[in-house]
C-alpha cells in the first residue's frame, strides 16, 4: 500500500491534520468551530479537542480539502 503525503492546515503556529477533523461549524462571531477525533490528554483527563479558528468556515473547509489533495501545508491566514 502506498503511503500518501499528509497535508496540514497551518493556523498561526499550529498545524492541523485534516484527517483528524470530524466537524466544521460556524460560530456566531464569524469564526469557525473545528472538532477533532483525536484523543488529547488535557488538564481534566482525556477527551476530544476542538478549536476556534479565526477565519470563516468556507475558507477553512477549502484549505482542508486543498491540504488533503496536495499533501502540502496550507496557511489558512494567507
Protein backbone atom coordinates (compact mmCIF):
# COMPACT_ATOMS: atom_id res chain seq x y z
CA UNK A 1 0.00 0.00 0.00
CA UNK A 2 1.35 3.38 -0.98
CA UNK A 3 1.72 5.99 1.73
CA UNK A 4 0.47 9.38 0.59
CA UNK A 5 1.79 12.62 1.98
CA UNK A 6 -0.39 14.17 4.64
CA UNK A 7 -1.09 17.84 4.19
CA UNK A 8 -1.66 20.13 7.14
CA UNK A 9 -3.62 23.30 7.72
CA UNK A 10 -1.46 26.00 9.31
CA UNK A 11 -3.28 28.25 11.77
CA UNK A 12 -0.88 30.72 13.35
CA UNK A 13 1.76 28.48 14.94
CA UNK A 14 -0.44 25.37 14.99
CA UNK A 15 -0.71 22.63 12.39
CA UNK A 16 -3.99 20.74 12.00
CA UNK A 17 -4.14 17.32 10.35
CA UNK A 18 -7.28 17.50 8.15
CA UNK A 19 -7.82 13.75 8.52
CA UNK A 20 -8.49 14.25 12.26
CA UNK A 21 -11.33 16.73 11.69
CA UNK A 22 -14.80 15.42 12.50
CA UNK A 23 -16.80 18.66 12.44
CA UNK A 24 -16.55 22.12 10.91
CA UNK A 25 -19.15 24.59 12.10
CA UNK A 26 -19.88 28.29 12.08
CA UNK A 27 -19.69 30.37 15.24
CA UNK A 28 -21.93 33.42 15.60
CA UNK A 29 -18.94 35.78 15.51
CA UNK A 30 -17.77 34.59 12.08
CA UNK A 31 -15.09 32.25 13.35
CA UNK A 32 -15.00 28.53 12.66
CA UNK A 33 -15.59 25.74 15.18
CA UNK A 34 -13.46 22.69 14.41
CA UNK A 35 -13.86 19.38 16.23
CA UNK A 36 -11.34 16.55 16.14
CA UNK A 37 -11.45 12.80 16.60
CA UNK A 38 -8.04 12.81 18.28
CA UNK A 39 -7.90 11.97 21.95
CA UNK A 40 -5.81 14.56 23.74
CA UNK A 41 -4.51 14.39 27.28
CA UNK A 42 -5.65 17.62 28.87
CA UNK A 43 -5.73 19.14 32.36
CA UNK A 44 -9.09 17.44 33.04
CA UNK A 45 -8.22 14.00 31.72
CA UNK A 46 -8.67 12.54 28.27
CA UNK A 47 -11.16 13.94 25.80
CA UNK A 48 -11.65 15.11 22.23
CA UNK A 49 -10.36 18.54 21.38
CA UNK A 50 -11.82 21.42 19.44
CA UNK A 51 -10.59 24.77 18.19
CA UNK A 52 -11.98 28.17 17.33
CA UNK A 53 -10.32 29.23 14.08
CA UNK A 54 -10.37 32.97 13.24
CA UNK A 55 -11.49 32.59 9.62
CA UNK A 56 -14.88 31.77 8.11
CA UNK A 57 -15.83 28.12 7.81
CA UNK A 58 -15.96 28.10 4.00
CA UNK A 59 -12.35 29.26 3.74
CA UNK A 60 -11.26 26.77 6.39
CA UNK A 61 -13.02 23.90 4.61
CA UNK A 62 -11.39 24.87 1.30
CA UNK A 63 -7.97 24.85 2.97
CA UNK A 64 -8.67 21.42 4.49
CA UNK A 65 -9.63 19.95 1.11
CA UNK A 66 -6.60 21.51 -0.58
CA UNK A 67 -4.27 20.14 2.11
CA UNK A 68 -5.67 16.63 1.62
CA UNK A 69 -5.46 16.86 -2.18
CA UNK A 70 -1.95 18.29 -2.41
CA UNK A 71 -0.26 16.92 0.72
CA UNK A 72 1.10 20.41 1.33
CA UNK A 73 0.90 22.77 4.29
CA UNK A 74 -1.87 25.27 3.58
CA UNK A 75 -1.79 28.51 5.61
CA UNK A 76 -5.36 29.42 6.47
CA UNK A 77 -4.30 33.02 7.21
CA UNK A 78 -2.67 33.52 3.79
